[in-house]
Amino acid sequence: MDLGKLFIVLGIIFLVIGIIWTFIGKLPGDIQFKVGNVSFYFPIVTSIIISILLTLIFAIIGRFR
C-alpha cells in the first residue's frame, strides 16, 4: 500500500470517529464533577480509547516503513 493511500484511509477513519464523537459527546466512564461554580471533567475512557487507536495506527504505519 502506498503511503498516500494509507493517509487517505486514516483520514477517513478520523473523519468517521469525529462525526460519531460529535453526536455522542462524552463516553460513559468519563469523570465529571460540578460543585457550585467549579466544574471538573476528566475524559479517562476517551483518553484510553484514543491511546489504543493511536497505538494501532502507529503500529500499522511502522509496518509500512
C-alpha atoms as a PDB file:
ATOM      1  CA  MET A   1       0.000   0.000   0.000  1.00  0.00           C
ATOM      2  CA  ASP A   2       1.270   3.434  -0.917  1.00  0.00           C
ATOM      3  CA  LEU A   3       1.814   5.928   1.913  1.00  0.00           C
ATOM      4  CA  GLY A   4      -0.602   8.369   0.262  1.00  0.00           C
ATOM      5  CA  LYS A   5      -3.379   5.786   0.246  1.00  0.00           C
ATOM      6  CA  LEU A   6      -2.647   4.991   3.888  1.00  0.00           C
ATOM      7  CA  PHE A   7      -3.090   8.652   4.835  1.00  0.00           C
ATOM      8  CA  ILE A   8      -6.376   8.801   2.914  1.00  0.00           C
ATOM      9  CA  VAL A   9      -7.674   5.749   4.782  1.00  0.00           C
ATOM     10  CA  LEU A  10      -6.524   7.166   8.122  1.00  0.00           C
ATOM     11  CA  GLY A  11      -8.179  10.485   7.276  1.00  0.00           C
ATOM     12  CA  ILE A  12     -11.470   8.761   6.540  1.00  0.00           C
ATOM     13  CA  ILE A  13     -11.219   6.813   9.801  1.00  0.00           C
ATOM     14  CA  PHE A  14     -10.583  10.025  11.765  1.00  0.00           C
ATOM     15  CA  LEU A  15     -13.485  11.717   9.971  1.00  0.00           C
ATOM     16  CA  VAL A  16     -15.874   8.931  10.956  1.00  0.00           C
ATOM     17  CA  ILE A  17     -14.615   8.965  14.546  1.00  0.00           C
ATOM     18  CA  GLY A  18     -15.042  12.750  14.675  1.00  0.00           C
ATOM     19  CA  ILE A  19     -18.610  12.584  13.399  1.00  0.00           C
ATOM     20  CA  ILE A  20     -19.527   9.863  15.884  1.00  0.00           C
ATOM     21  CA  TRP A  21     -17.806  11.755  18.703  1.00  0.00           C
ATOM     22  CA  THR A  22     -19.783  14.901  17.874  1.00  0.00           C
ATOM     23  CA  PHE A  23     -23.088  13.130  18.362  1.00  0.00           C
ATOM     24  CA  ILE A  24     -22.095  11.049  21.400  1.00  0.00           C
ATOM     25  CA  GLY A  25     -20.390  13.862  23.314  1.00  0.00           C
ATOM     26  CA  LYS A  26     -18.763  12.176  26.259  1.00  0.00           C
ATOM     27  CA  LEU A  27     -18.330   8.462  26.789  1.00  0.00           C
ATOM     28  CA  PRO A  28     -19.609   6.535  29.791  1.00  0.00           C
ATOM     29  CA  GLY A  29     -16.793   6.287  32.311  1.00  0.00           C
ATOM     30  CA  ASP A  30     -15.579   9.838  31.817  1.00  0.00           C
ATOM     31  CA  ILE A  31     -15.376  11.617  35.174  1.00  0.00           C
ATOM     32  CA  GLN A  32     -17.309  14.836  35.647  1.00  0.00           C
ATOM     33  CA  PHE A  33     -17.805  16.795  38.873  1.00  0.00           C
ATOM     34  CA  LYS A  34     -19.725  20.029  39.294  1.00  0.00           C
ATOM     35  CA  VAL A  35     -19.707  21.832  42.627  1.00  0.00           C
ATOM     36  CA  GLY A  36     -21.127  25.335  42.615  1.00  0.00           C
ATOM     37  CA  ASN A  37     -19.292  27.407  40.011  1.00  0.00           C
ATOM     38  CA  VAL A  38     -16.441  24.906  39.682  1.00  0.00           C
ATOM     39  CA  SER A  39     -16.604  22.029  37.248  1.00  0.00           C
ATOM     40  CA  PHE A  40     -14.042  19.317  36.569  1.00  0.00           C
ATOM     41  CA  TYR A  41     -14.090  16.986  33.587  1.00  0.00           C
ATOM     42  CA  PHE A  42     -11.562  14.213  33.041  1.00  0.00           C
ATOM     43  CA  PRO A  43     -12.156  12.054  29.953  1.00  0.00           C
ATOM     44  CA  ILE A  44     -10.438   8.883  31.199  1.00  0.00           C
ATOM     45  CA  VAL A  45     -12.267   6.424  28.919  1.00  0.00           C
ATOM     46  CA  THR A  46     -11.875   8.739  25.947  1.00  0.00           C
ATOM     47  CA  SER A  47      -8.144   9.031  26.682  1.00  0.00           C
ATOM     48  CA  ILE A  48      -7.771   5.250  26.831  1.00  0.00           C
ATOM     49  CA  ILE A  49      -9.610   4.774  23.530  1.00  0.00           C
ATOM     50  CA  ILE A  50      -7.536   7.467  21.806  1.00  0.00           C
ATOM     51  CA  SER A  51      -4.351   5.877  23.164  1.00  0.00           C
ATOM     52  CA  ILE A  52      -5.340   2.460  21.804  1.00  0.00           C
ATOM     53  CA  LEU A  53      -6.274   3.901  18.413  1.00  0.00           C
ATOM     54  CA  LEU A  54      -3.026   5.863  18.113  1.00  0.00           C
ATOM     55  CA  THR A  55      -1.023   2.791  19.113  1.00  0.00           C
ATOM     56  CA  LEU A  56      -2.724   0.759  16.382  1.00  0.00           C
ATOM     57  CA  ILE A  57      -2.271   3.500  13.787  1.00  0.00           C
ATOM     58  CA  PHE A  58       1.424   3.944  14.529  1.00  0.00           C
ATOM     59  CA  ALA A  59       1.934   0.166  14.516  1.00  0.00           C
ATOM     60  CA  ILE A  60       0.331  -0.018  11.058  1.00  0.00           C
ATOM     61  CA  ILE A  61       2.418   2.890   9.781  1.00  0.00           C
ATOM     62  CA  GLY A  62       5.546   1.285  11.274  1.00  0.00           C
ATOM     63  CA  ARG A  63       4.955  -1.896   9.281  1.00  0.00           C
ATOM     64  CA  PHE A  64       4.983   0.057   6.017  1.00  0.00           C
ATOM     65  CA  ARG A  65       8.255   1.841   6.757  1.00  0.00           C
END
